[in-house]
Amino acid sequence: MIEPFESALDDIPGAHPYPRTSRYHDAEVAVHRRPDGSEVRYVKRRLIPKNDDSTSPHVVAEGERPDHLGQRYFGDPGQWWRIADANPVLDPRELTDEPGKVIGVPDGLGHV
């Protein structure tokens, strides 16, 4: 379901369609013009920021998933991407695929 405020953003030229907590919030939005003149907005490739090593260790427990860690450390399961960005993984499932693995959780982002 599209929230009313998200629909309103579509009417504002240059408005960003993603909330501040989204990994795509700072990504550039581009416009593709179709031959019929209609426009399609899309997000350009998001480059992962360089890891500045300000992380705290987390030992992965049996059955944990990236969304569990997002909830635990940021109070929102959708914030798993912050942990993925802080670790050298291509697939977020790699974060929790091995119990006992030590991964980094970003510091200073309000985790508990």
PDB file of N, CA and C in Angstrom:
ATOM      1  N   MET A   1       0.832  -1.178   0.000  1.00  0.00           N
ATOM      2  CA  MET A   1       0.000   0.000   0.000  1.00  0.00           C
ATOM      3  C   MET A   1       0.881   1.248   0.000  1.00  0.00           C
ATOM      4  N   ILE A   2       0.571   2.208  -0.813  1.00  0.00           N
ATOM      5  CA  ILE A   2       1.309   3.459  -0.864  1.00  0.00           C
ATOM      6  C   ILE A   2       0.707   4.416   0.153  1.00  0.00           C
ATOM      7  N   GLU A   3       1.575   4.976   0.983  1.00  0.00           N
ATOM      8  CA  GLU A   3       1.123   5.927   1.987  1.00  0.00           C
ATOM      9  C   GLU A   3       0.775   7.250   1.305  1.00  0.00           C
ATOM     10  N   PRO A   4      -0.191   7.996   1.843  1.00  0.00           N
ATOM     11  CA  PRO A   4      -0.582   9.268   1.234  1.00  0.00           C
ATOM     12  C   PRO A   4       0.586  10.232   1.049  1.00  0.00           C
ATOM     13  N   PHE A   5       1.492  10.307   2.042  1.00  0.00           N
ATOM     14  CA  PHE A   5       2.607  11.236   1.910  1.00  0.00           C
ATOM     15  C   PHE A   5       3.541  10.813   0.789  1.00  0.00           C
ATOM     16  N   GLU A   6       3.658   9.507   0.529  1.00  0.00           N
ATOM     17  CA  GLU A   6       4.491   9.039  -0.570  1.00  0.00           C
ATOM     18  C   GLU A   6       3.874   9.435  -1.907  1.00  0.00           C
ATOM     19  N   SER A   7       2.564   9.359  -2.016  1.00  0.00           N
ATOM     20  CA  SER A   7       1.890   9.779  -3.238  1.00  0.00           C
ATOM     21  C   SER A   7       2.085  11.274  -3.464  1.00  0.00           C
ATOM     22  N   ALA A   8       2.039  12.046  -2.395  1.00  0.00           N
ATOM     23  CA  ALA A   8       2.221  13.490  -2.513  1.00  0.00           C
ATOM     24  C   ALA A   8       3.620  13.822  -3.010  1.00  0.00           C
ATOM     25  N   LEU A   9       4.608  13.026  -2.625  1.00  0.00           N
ATOM     26  CA  LEU A   9       5.978  13.276  -3.071  1.00  0.00           C
ATOM     27  C   LEU A   9       6.111  13.175  -4.581  1.00  0.00           C
ATOM     28  N   ASP A  10       5.302  12.332  -5.205  1.00  0.00           N
ATOM     29  CA  ASP A  10       5.366  12.180  -6.657  1.00  0.00           C
ATOM     30  C   ASP A  10       5.020  13.475  -7.381  1.00  0.00           C
ATOM     31  N   ASP A  11       4.267  14.349  -6.739  1.00  0.00           N
ATOM     32  CA  ASP A  11       3.858  15.606  -7.362  1.00  0.00           C
ATOM     33  C   ASP A  11       4.884  16.721  -7.178  1.00  0.00           C
ATOM     34  N   ILE A  12       5.909  16.478  -6.378  1.00  0.00           N
ATOM     35  CA  ILE A  12       6.921  17.494  -6.114  1.00  0.00           C
ATOM     36  C   ILE A  12       8.150  17.183  -6.956  1.00  0.00           C
ATOM     37  N   PRO A  13       8.514  18.055  -7.886  1.00  0.00           N
ATOM     38  CA  PRO A  13       9.697  17.792  -8.712  1.00  0.00           C
ATOM     39  C   PRO A  13      10.942  17.630  -7.846  1.00  0.00           C
ATOM     40  N   GLY A  14      11.675  16.560  -8.073  1.00  0.00           N
ATOM     41  CA  GLY A  14      12.914  16.318  -7.347  1.00  0.00           C
ATOM     42  C   GLY A  14      12.737  15.724  -5.964  1.00  0.00           C
ATOM     43  N   ALA A  15      11.509  15.498  -5.518  1.00  0.00           N
ATOM     44  CA  ALA A  15      11.291  14.925  -4.188  1.00  0.00           C
ATOM     45  C   ALA A  15      11.803  13.493  -4.161  1.00  0.00           C
ATOM     46  N   HIS A  16      12.363  13.113  -3.035  1.00  0.00           N
ATOM     47  CA  HIS A  16      12.914  11.766  -2.935  1.00  0.00           C
ATOM     48  C   HIS A  16      11.848  10.799  -2.452  1.00  0.00           C
ATOM     49  N   PRO A  17      11.697   9.656  -3.121  1.00  0.00           N
ATOM     50  CA  PRO A  17      10.620   8.725  -2.795  1.00  0.00           C
ATOM     51  C   PRO A  17      10.894   7.792  -1.619  1.00  0.00           C
ATOM     52  N   TYR A  18      12.067   7.889  -0.996  1.00  0.00           N
ATOM     53  CA  TYR A  18      12.400   6.945   0.067  1.00  0.00           C
ATOM     54  C   TYR A  18      12.547   7.648   1.404  1.00  0.00           C
ATOM     55  N   PRO A  19      12.072   7.025   2.485  1.00  0.00           N
ATOM     56  CA  PRO A  19      12.207   7.634   3.810  1.00  0.00           C
ATOM     57  C   PRO A  19      13.672   7.679   4.251  1.00  0.00           C
ATOM     58  N   ARG A  20      13.956   8.489   5.243  1.00  0.00           N
ATOM     59  CA  ARG A  20      15.338   8.656   5.723  1.00  0.00           C
ATOM     60  C   ARG A  20      15.969   7.355   6.205  1.00  0.00           C
ATOM     61  N   THR A  21      15.174   6.406   6.649  1.00  0.00           N
ATOM     62  CA  THR A  21      15.716   5.144   7.148  1.00  0.00           C
ATOM     63  C   THR A  21      16.016   4.145   6.040  1.00  0.00           C
ATOM     64  N   SER A  22      15.685   4.470   4.806  1.00  0.00           N
ATOM     65  CA  SER A  22      15.904   3.560   3.683  1.00  0.00           C
ATOM     66  C   SER A  22      17.347   3.617   3.206  1.00  0.00           C
ATOM     67  N   ARG A  23      17.861   2.486   2.794  1.00  0.00           N
ATOM     68  CA  ARG A  23      19.219   2.468   2.242  1.00  0.00           C
ATOM     69  C   ARG A  23      19.292   3.220   0.926  1.00  0.00           C
ATOM     70  N   TYR A  24      18.160   3.491   0.317  1.00  0.00           N
ATOM     71  CA  TYR A  24      18.135   4.217  -0.951  1.00  0.00           C
ATOM     72  C   TYR A  24      17.874   5.711  -0.785  1.00  0.00           C
ATOM     73  N   HIS A  25      17.735   6.177   0.466  1.00  0.00           N
ATOM     74  CA  HIS A  25      17.398   7.582   0.692  1.00  0.00           C
ATOM     75  C   HIS A  25      18.387   8.533   0.032  1.00  0.00           C
ATOM     76  N   ASP A  26      19.678   8.254   0.128  1.00  0.00           N
ATOM     77  CA  ASP A  26      20.691   9.149  -0.427  1.00  0.00           C
ATOM     78  C   ASP A  26      21.071   8.814  -1.865  1.00  0.00           C
ATOM     79  N   ALA A  27      20.472   7.773  -2.416  1.00  0.00           N
ATOM     80  CA  ALA A  27      20.774   7.396  -3.802  1.00  0.00           C
ATOM     81  C   ALA A  27      20.119   8.390  -4.763  1.00  0.00           C
ATOM     82  N   GLU A  28      20.795   8.636  -5.856  1.00  0.00           N
ATOM     83  CA  GLU A  28      20.277   9.580  -6.850  1.00  0.00           C
ATOM     84  C   GLU A  28      19.107   8.969  -7.617  1.00  0.00           C
ATOM     85  N   VAL A  29      18.063   9.753  -7.781  1.00  0.00           N
ATOM     86  CA  VAL A  29      16.902   9.327  -8.556  1.00  0.00           C
ATOM     87  C   VAL A  29      17.036   9.930  -9.953  1.00  0.00           C
ATOM     88  N   ALA A  30      16.908   9.089 -10.963  1.00  0.00           N
ATOM     89  CA  ALA A  30      17.014   9.537 -12.351  1.00  0.00           C
ATOM     90  C   ALA A  30      15.677   9.327 -13.059  1.00  0.00           C
ATOM     91  N   VAL A  31      15.563   9.901 -14.237  1.00  0.00           N
ATOM     92  CA  VAL A  31      14.330   9.795 -15.020  1.00  0.00           C
ATOM     93  C   VAL A  31      14.664   9.266 -16.407  1.00  0.00           C
ATOM     94  N   HIS A  32      13.930   8.244 -16.819  1.00  0.00           N
ATOM     95  CA  HIS A  32      14.043   7.705 -18.181  1.00  0.00           C
ATOM     96  C   HIS A  32      12.797   8.142 -18.947  1.00  0.00           C
ATOM     97  N   ARG A  33      13.011   8.743 -20.098  1.00  0.00           N
ATOM     98  CA  ARG A  33      11.883   9.167 -20.926  1.00  0.00           C
ATOM     99  C   ARG A  33      11.635   8.111 -22.001  1.00  0.00           C
ATOM    100  N   ARG A  34      10.429   7.600 -22.014  1.00  0.00           N
ATOM    101  CA  ARG A  34      10.043   6.595 -23.011  1.00  0.00           C
ATOM    102  C   ARG A  34       9.731   7.282 -24.343  1.00  0.00           C
ATOM    103  N   PRO A  35       9.742   6.515 -25.425  1.00  0.00           N
ATOM    104  CA  PRO A  35       9.417   7.094 -26.738  1.00  0.00           C
ATOM    105  C   PRO A  35       8.058   7.792 -26.779  1.00  0.00           C
ATOM    106  N   ASP A  36       7.119   7.331 -25.946  1.00  0.00           N
ATOM    107  CA  ASP A  36       5.791   7.961 -25.949  1.00  0.00           C
ATOM    108  C   ASP A  36       5.740   9.242 -25.108  1.00  0.00           C
ATOM    109  N   GLY A  37       6.891   9.610 -24.518  1.00  0.00           N
ATOM    110  CA  GLY A  37       6.966  10.830 -23.720  1.00  0.00           C
ATOM    111  C   GLY A  37       6.738  10.625 -22.240  1.00  0.00           C
ATOM    112  N   SER A  38       6.273   9.453 -21.841  1.00  0.00           N
ATOM    113  CA  SER A  38       6.065   9.199 -20.414  1.00  0.00           C
ATOM    114  C   SER A  38       7.422   9.037 -19.723  1.00  0.00           C
ATOM    115  N   GLU A  39       7.420   9.263 -18.428  1.00  0.00           N
ATOM    116  CA  GLU A  39       8.653   9.190 -17.650  1.00  0.00           C
ATOM    117  C   GLU A  39       8.598   8.050 -16.651  1.00  0.00           C
ATOM    118  N   VAL A  40       9.745   7.433 -16.455  1.00  0.00           N
ATOM    119  CA  VAL A  40       9.901   6.392 -15.444  1.00  0.00           C
ATOM    120  C   VAL A  40      11.040   6.828 -14.536  1.00  0.00           C
ATOM    121  N   ARG A  41      10.736   6.969 -13.242  1.00  0.00           N
ATOM    122  CA  ARG A  41      11.779   7.321 -12.269  1.00  0.00           C
ATOM    123  C   ARG A  41      12.409   6.045 -11.745  1.00  0.00           C
ATOM    124  N   TYR A  42      13.726   6.086 -11.557  1.00  0.00           N
ATOM    125  CA  TYR A  42      14.436   4.936 -11.010  1.00  0.00           C
ATOM    126  C   TYR A  42      15.603   5.415 -10.166  1.00  0.00           C
ATOM    127  N   VAL A  43      16.073   4.541  -9.306  1.00  0.00           N
ATOM    128  CA  VAL A  43      17.196   4.858  -8.439  1.00  0.00           C
ATOM    129  C   VAL A  43      18.469   4.370  -9.110  1.00  0.00           C
ATOM    130  N   LYS A  44      19.439   5.267  -9.197  1.00  0.00           N
ATOM    131  CA  LYS A  44      20.728   4.876  -9.760  1.00  0.00           C
ATOM    132  C   LYS A  44      21.431   3.937  -8.786  1.00  0.00           C
ATOM    133  N   ARG A  45      22.451   3.278  -9.280  1.00  0.00           N
ATOM    134  CA  ARG A  45      23.186   2.310  -8.468  1.00  0.00           C
ATOM    135  C   ARG A  45      23.643   2.931  -7.150  1.00  0.00           C
ATOM    136  N   ARG A  46      23.430   2.203  -6.095  1.00  0.00           N
ATOM    137  CA  ARG A  46      23.847   2.637  -4.766  1.00  0.00           C
ATOM    138  C   ARG A  46      25.206   2.038  -4.468  1.00  0.00           C
ATOM    139  N   LEU A  47      26.191   2.891  -4.242  1.00  0.00           N
ATOM    140  CA  LEU A  47      27.520   2.414  -3.893  1.00  0.00           C
ATOM    141  C   LEU A  47      27.618   2.333  -2.376  1.00  0.00           C
ATOM    142  N   ILE A  48      28.136   1.225  -1.905  1.00  0.00           N
ATOM    143  CA  ILE A  48      28.250   1.021  -0.463  1.00  0.00           C
ATOM    144  C   ILE A  48      29.370   1.906   0.064  1.00  0.00           C
ATOM    145  N   PRO A  49      29.076   2.672   1.115  1.00  0.00           N
ATOM    146  CA  PRO A  49      30.108   3.544   1.661  1.00  0.00           C
ATOM    147  C   PRO A  49      31.273   2.744   2.223  1.00  0.00           C
ATOM    148  N   LYS A  50      32.458   3.359   2.194  1.00  0.00           N
ATOM    149  CA  LYS A  50      33.646   2.700   2.725  1.00  0.00           C
ATOM    150  C   LYS A  50      33.460   2.454   4.217  1.00  0.00           C
ATOM    151  N   ASN A  51      33.823   1.257   4.649  1.00  0.00           N
ATOM    152  CA  ASN A  51      33.712   0.888   6.053  1.00  0.00           C
ATOM    153  C   ASN A  51      34.789   1.620   6.840  1.00  0.00           C
ATOM    154  N   ASP A  52      34.382   2.395   7.837  1.00  0.00           N
ATOM    155  CA  ASP A  52      35.358   3.141   8.634  1.00  0.00           C
ATOM    156  C   ASP A  52      35.767   2.394   9.905  1.00  0.00           C
ATOM    157  N   ASP A  53      35.423   1.128   9.987  1.00  0.00           N
ATOM    158  CA  ASP A  53      35.825   0.250  11.094  1.00  0.00           C
ATOM    159  C   ASP A  53      35.247   0.640  12.446  1.00  0.00           C
ATOM    160  N   SER A  54      34.247   1.502  12.507  1.00  0.00           N
ATOM    161  CA  SER A  54      33.642   1.836  13.792  1.00  0.00           C
ATOM    162  C   SER A  54      32.467   0.892  14.050  1.00  0.00           C
ATOM    163  N   THR A  55      32.820  -0.356  14.346  1.00  0.00           N
ATOM    164  CA  THR A  55      31.810  -1.376  14.609  1.00  0.00           C
ATOM    165  C   THR A  55      32.085  -2.065  15.935  1.00  0.00           C
ATOM    166  N   SER A  56      31.060  -2.681  16.463  1.00  0.00           N
ATOM    167  CA  SER A  56      31.184  -3.537  17.641  1.00  0.00           C
ATOM    168  C   SER A  56      30.950  -4.966  17.187  1.00  0.00           C
ATOM    169  N   PRO A  57      31.656  -5.924  17.792  1.00  0.00           N
ATOM    170  CA  PRO A  57      31.494  -7.314  17.360  1.00  0.00           C
ATOM    171  C   PRO A  57      30.178  -7.927  17.825  1.00  0.00           C
ATOM    172  N   HIS A  58      29.653  -8.796  16.996  1.00  0.00           N
ATOM    173  CA  HIS A  58      28.468  -9.590  17.331  1.00  0.00           C
ATOM    174  C   HIS A  58      28.770 -11.022  16.922  1.00  0.00           C
ATOM    175  N   VAL A  59      28.574 -11.960  17.837  1.00  0.00           N
ATOM    176  CA  VAL A  59      28.761 -13.379  17.534  1.00  0.00           C
ATOM    177  C   VAL A  59      27.407 -13.940  17.110  1.00  0.00           C
ATOM    178  N   VAL A  60      27.357 -14.459  15.895  1.00  0.00           N
ATOM    179  CA  VAL A  60      26.114 -14.975  15.328  1.00  0.00           C
ATOM    180  C   VAL A  60      25.660 -16.227  16.074  1.00  0.00           C
ATOM    181  N   ALA A  61      24.405 -16.243  16.497  1.00  0.00           N
ATOM    182  CA  ALA A  61      23.817 -17.392  17.182  1.00  0.00           C
ATOM    183  C   ALA A  61      23.027 -18.240  16.182  1.00  0.00           C
ATOM    184  N   GLU A  62      22.833 -19.484  16.526  1.00  0.00           N
ATOM    185  CA  GLU A  62      22.042 -20.406  15.696  1.00  0.00           C
ATOM    186  C   GLU A  62      20.651 -19.814  15.462  1.00  0.00           C
ATOM    187  N   GLY A  63      20.218 -19.784  14.229  1.00  0.00           N
ATOM    188  CA  GLY A  63      18.877 -19.330  13.890  1.00  0.00           C
ATOM    189  C   GLY A  63      18.723 -17.832  13.690  1.00  0.00           C
ATOM    190  N   GLU A  64      19.771 -17.059  13.939  1.00  0.00           N
ATOM    191  CA  GLU A  64      19.658 -15.614  13.723  1.00  0.00           C
ATOM    192  C   GLU A  64      19.586 -15.308  12.232  1.00  0.00           C
ATOM    193  N   ARG A  65      18.900 -14.221  11.919  1.00  0.00           N
ATOM    194  CA  ARG A  65      18.802 -13.747  10.539  1.00  0.00           C
ATOM    195  C   ARG A  65      19.145 -12.260  10.531  1.00  0.00           C
ATOM    196  N   PRO A  66      19.491 -11.731   9.366  1.00  0.00           N
ATOM    197  CA  PRO A  66      19.806 -10.300   9.299  1.00  0.00           C
ATOM    198  C   PRO A  66      18.692  -9.402   9.851  1.00  0.00           C
ATOM    199  N   ASP A  67      17.432  -9.755   9.593  1.00  0.00           N
ATOM    200  CA  ASP A  67      16.340  -8.922  10.106  1.00  0.00           C
ATOM    201  C   ASP A  67      16.255  -8.966  11.629  1.00  0.00           C
ATOM    202  N   HIS A  68      16.615 -10.111  12.230  1.00  0.00           N
ATOM    203  CA  HIS A  68      16.652 -10.194  13.696  1.00  0.00           C
ATOM    204  C   HIS A  68      17.669  -9.196  14.245  1.00  0.00           C
ATOM    205  N   LEU A  69      18.826  -9.122  13.574  1.00  0.00           N
ATOM    206  CA  LEU A  69      19.881  -8.215  14.032  1.00  0.00           C
ATOM    207  C   LEU A  69      19.468  -6.756  13.849  1.00  0.00           C
ATOM    208  N   GLY A  70      18.772  -6.467  12.761  1.00  0.00           N
ATOM    209  CA  GLY A  70      18.267  -5.109  12.562  1.00  0.00           C
ATOM    210  C   GLY A  70      17.345  -4.699  13.692  1.00  0.00           C
ATOM    211  N   GLN A  71      16.459  -5.607  14.097  1.00  0.00           N
ATOM    212  CA  GLN A  71      15.546  -5.327  15.205  1.00  0.00           C
ATOM    213  C   GLN A  71      16.308  -5.168  16.511  1.00  0.00           C
ATOM    214  N   ARG A  72      17.243  -6.065  16.770  1.00  0.00           N
ATOM    215  CA  ARG A  72      17.982  -6.039  18.034  1.00  0.00           C
ATOM    216  C   ARG A  72      18.794  -4.759  18.200  1.00  0.00           C
ATOM    217  N   TYR A  73      19.510  -4.378  17.159  1.00  0.00           N
ATOM    218  CA  TYR A  73      20.434  -3.260  17.288  1.00  0.00           C
ATOM    219  C   TYR A  73      19.853  -1.905  16.903  1.00  0.00           C
ATOM    220  N   PHE A  74      18.830  -1.881  16.066  1.00  0.00           N
ATOM    221  CA  PHE A  74      18.298  -0.605  15.599  1.00  0.00           C
ATOM    222  C   PHE A  74      16.808  -0.434  15.860  1.00  0.00           C
ATOM    223  N   GLY A  75      16.171  -1.468  16.440  1.00  0.00           N
ATOM    224  CA  GLY A  75      14.748  -1.368  16.734  1.00  0.00           C
ATOM    225  C   GLY A  75      13.863  -1.457  15.510  1.00  0.00           C
ATOM    226  N   ASP A  76      14.433  -1.934  14.394  1.00  0.00           N
ATOM    227  CA  ASP A  76      13.684  -2.007  13.142  1.00  0.00           C
ATOM    228  C   ASP A  76      14.284  -3.124  12.291  1.00  0.00           C
ATOM    229  N   PRO A  77      13.535  -4.193  12.019  1.00  0.00           N
ATOM    230  CA  PRO A  77      14.094  -5.293  11.233  1.00  0.00           C
ATOM    231  C   PRO A  77      14.522  -4.874   9.831  1.00  0.00           C
ATOM    232  N   GLY A  78      13.951  -3.796   9.326  1.00  0.00           N
ATOM    233  CA  GLY A  78      14.314  -3.308   8.001  1.00  0.00           C
ATOM    234  C   GLY A  78      15.672  -2.636   7.939  1.00  0.00           C
ATOM    235  N   GLN A  79      16.314  -2.464   9.087  1.00  0.00           N
ATOM    236  CA  GLN A  79      17.630  -1.815   9.120  1.00  0.00           C
ATOM    237  C   GLN A  79      18.787  -2.807   9.032  1.00  0.00           C
ATOM    238  N   TRP A  80      18.500  -4.061   8.680  1.00  0.00           N
ATOM    239  CA  TRP A  80      19.546  -5.074   8.512  1.00  0.00           C
ATOM    240  C   TRP A  80      20.618  -4.613   7.542  1.00  0.00           C
ATOM    241  N   TRP A  81      20.256  -3.775   6.580  1.00  0.00           N
ATOM    242  CA  TRP A  81      21.197  -3.331   5.554  1.00  0.00           C
ATOM    243  C   TRP A  81      22.360  -2.541   6.134  1.00  0.00           C
ATOM    244  N   ARG A  82      22.154  -1.878   7.271  1.00  0.00           N
ATOM    245  CA  ARG A  82      23.258  -1.140   7.906  1.00  0.00           C
ATOM    246  C   ARG A  82      24.352  -2.110   8.343  1.00  0.00           C
ATOM    247  N   ILE A  83      23.950  -3.265   8.847  1.00  0.00           N
ATOM    248  CA  ILE A  83      24.915  -4.277   9.272  1.00  0.00           C
ATOM    249  C   ILE A  83      25.574  -4.901   8.051  1.00  0.00           C
ATOM    250  N   ALA A  84      24.797  -5.167   7.015  1.00  0.00           N
ATOM    251  CA  ALA A  84      25.369  -5.729   5.785  1.00  0.00           C
ATOM    252  C   ALA A  84      26.402  -4.779   5.192  1.00  0.00           C
ATOM    253  N   ASP A  85      26.114  -3.482   5.188  1.00  0.00           N
ATOM    254  CA  ASP A  85      27.058  -2.508   4.641  1.00  0.00           C
ATOM    255  C   ASP A  85      28.371  -2.477   5.413  1.00  0.00           C
ATOM    256  N   ALA A  86      28.331  -2.810   6.696  1.00  0.00           N
ATOM    257  CA  ALA A  86      29.529  -2.752   7.536  1.00  0.00           C
ATOM    258  C   ALA A  86      30.380  -4.015   7.446  1.00  0.00           C
ATOM    259  N   ASN A  87      29.953  -4.985   6.674  1.00  0.00           N
ATOM    260  CA  ASN A  87      30.662  -6.262   6.575  1.00  0.00           C
ATOM    261  C   ASN A  87      30.935  -6.605   5.114  1.00  0.00           C
ATOM    262  N   PRO A  88      32.006  -7.376   4.859  1.00  0.00           N
ATOM    263  CA  PRO A  88      32.362  -7.722   3.474  1.00  0.00           C
ATOM    264  C   PRO A  88      31.531  -8.883   2.931  1.00  0.00           C
ATOM    265  N   VAL A  89      30.242  -8.641   2.708  1.00  0.00           N
ATOM    266  CA  VAL A  89      29.361  -9.680   2.168  1.00  0.00           C
ATOM    267  C   VAL A  89      28.670  -9.166   0.909  1.00  0.00           C
ATOM    268  N   LEU A  90      28.417 -10.063  -0.019  1.00  0.00           N
ATOM    269  CA  LEU A  90      27.655  -9.713  -1.214  1.00  0.00           C
ATOM    270  C   LEU A  90      26.181 -10.037  -1.032  1.00  0.00           C
ATOM    271  N   ASP A  91      25.911 -11.075  -0.264  1.00  0.00           N
ATOM    272  CA  ASP A  91      24.548 -11.532  -0.001  1.00  0.00           C
ATOM    273  C   ASP A  91      24.307 -11.368   1.495  1.00  0.00           C
ATOM    274  N   PRO A  92      23.285 -10.635   1.923  1.00  0.00           N
ATOM    275  CA  PRO A  92      23.063 -10.422   3.351  1.00  0.00           C
ATOM    276  C   PRO A  92      22.891 -11.705   4.155  1.00  0.00           C
ATOM    277  N   ARG A  93      22.491 -12.785   3.497  1.00  0.00           N
ATOM    278  CA  ARG A  93      22.353 -14.054   4.225  1.00  0.00           C
ATOM    279  C   ARG A  93      23.700 -14.566   4.714  1.00  0.00           C
ATOM    280  N   GLU A  94      24.789 -14.100   4.082  1.00  0.00           N
ATOM    281  CA  GLU A  94      26.127 -14.493   4.516  1.00  0.00           C
ATOM    282  C   GLU A  94      26.440 -13.982   5.921  1.00  0.00           C
ATOM    283  N   LEU A  95      25.743 -12.938   6.360  1.00  0.00           N
ATOM    284  CA  LEU A  95      25.981 -12.400   7.696  1.00  0.00           C
ATOM    285  C   LEU A  95      25.734 -13.447   8.775  1.00  0.00           C
ATOM    286  N   THR A  96      24.691 -14.244   8.591  1.00  0.00           N
ATOM    287  CA  THR A  96      24.252 -15.158   9.653  1.00  0.00           C
ATOM    288  C   THR A  96      24.286 -16.622   9.238  1.00  0.00           C
ATOM    289  N   ASP A  97      25.008 -16.932   8.169  1.00  0.00           N
ATOM    290  CA  ASP A  97      24.994 -18.316   7.675  1.00  0.00           C
ATOM    291  C   ASP A  97      25.817 -19.285   8.516  1.00  0.00           C
ATOM    292  N   GLU A  98      26.694 -18.779   9.378  1.00  0.00           N
ATOM    293  CA  GLU A  98      27.533 -19.647  10.206  1.00  0.00           C
ATOM    294  C   GLU A  98      27.434 -19.240  11.671  1.00  0.00           C
ATOM    295  N   PRO A  99      26.775 -20.045  12.507  1.00  0.00           N
ATOM    296  CA  PRO A  99      26.766 -19.743  13.938  1.00  0.00           C
ATOM    297  C   PRO A  99      28.203 -19.669  14.451  1.00  0.00           C
ATOM    298  N   GLY A 100      28.459 -18.690  15.304  1.00  0.00           N
ATOM    299  CA  GLY A 100      29.798 -18.493  15.847  1.00  0.00           C
ATOM    300  C   GLY A 100      30.620 -17.475  15.078  1.00  0.00           C
ATOM    301  N   LYS A 101      30.183 -17.133  13.877  1.00  0.00           N
ATOM    302  CA  LYS A 101      30.888 -16.122  13.075  1.00  0.00           C
ATOM    303  C   LYS A 101      30.788 -14.776  13.789  1.00  0.00           C
ATOM    304  N   VAL A 102      31.871 -14.009  13.747  1.00  0.00           N
ATOM    305  CA  VAL A 102      31.872 -12.671  14.331  1.00  0.00           C
ATOM    306  C   VAL A 102      31.687 -11.661  13.200  1.00  0.00           C
ATOM    307  N   ILE A 103      30.670 -10.831  13.338  1.00  0.00           N
ATOM    308  CA  ILE A 103      30.405  -9.777  12.359  1.00  0.00           C
ATOM    309  C   ILE A 103      30.439  -8.430  13.070  1.00  0.00           C
ATOM    310  N   GLY A 104      30.558  -7.364  12.298  1.00  0.00           N
ATOM    311  CA  GLY A 104      30.578  -6.029  12.872  1.00  0.00           C
ATOM    312  C   GLY A 104      29.212  -5.374  12.801  1.00  0.00           C
ATOM    313  N   VAL A 105      28.844  -4.703  13.880  1.00  0.00           N
ATOM    314  CA  VAL A 105      27.606  -3.923  13.929  1.00  0.00           C
ATOM    315  C   VAL A 105      28.026  -2.460  14.044  1.00  0.00           C
ATOM    316  N   PRO A 106      27.555  -1.599  13.146  1.00  0.00           N
ATOM    317  CA  PRO A 106      27.966  -0.195  13.169  1.00  0.00           C
ATOM    318  C   PRO A 106      27.695   0.476  14.510  1.00  0.00           C
ATOM    319  N   ASP A 107      28.668   1.247  14.969  1.00  0.00           N
ATOM    320  CA  ASP A 107      28.528   2.021  16.201  1.00  0.00           C
ATOM    321  C   ASP A 107      27.853   3.350  15.908  1.00  0.00           C
ATOM    322  N   GLY A 108      27.292   3.940  16.943  1.00  0.00           N
ATOM    323  CA  GLY A 108      26.764   5.287  16.841  1.00  0.00           C
ATOM    324  C   GLY A 108      25.468   5.435  16.079  1.00  0.00           C
ATOM    325  N   LEU A 109      24.744   4.353  15.855  1.00  0.00           N
ATOM    326  CA  LEU A 109      23.482   4.456  15.123  1.00  0.00           C
ATOM    327  C   LEU A 109      22.293   4.112  16.009  1.00  0.00           C
ATOM    328  N   GLY A 110      22.488   4.163  17.305  1.00  0.00           N
ATOM    329  CA  GLY A 110      21.368   3.968  18.211  1.00  0.00           C
ATOM    330  C   GLY A 110      21.060   2.533  18.573  1.00  0.00           C
ATOM    331  N   HIS A 111      22.021   1.614  18.422  1.00  0.00           N
ATOM    332  CA  HIS A 111      21.698   0.230  18.775  1.00  0.00           C
ATOM    333  C   HIS A 111      21.746   0.037  20.281  1.00  0.00           C
ATOM    334  N   VAL A 112      21.069  -1.015  20.731  1.00  0.00           N
ATOM    335  CA  VAL A 112      20.952  -1.301  22.165  1.00  0.00           C
ATOM    336  C   VAL A 112      21.902  -2.393  22.572  1.00  0.00           C
TER     337      VAL A 112
END
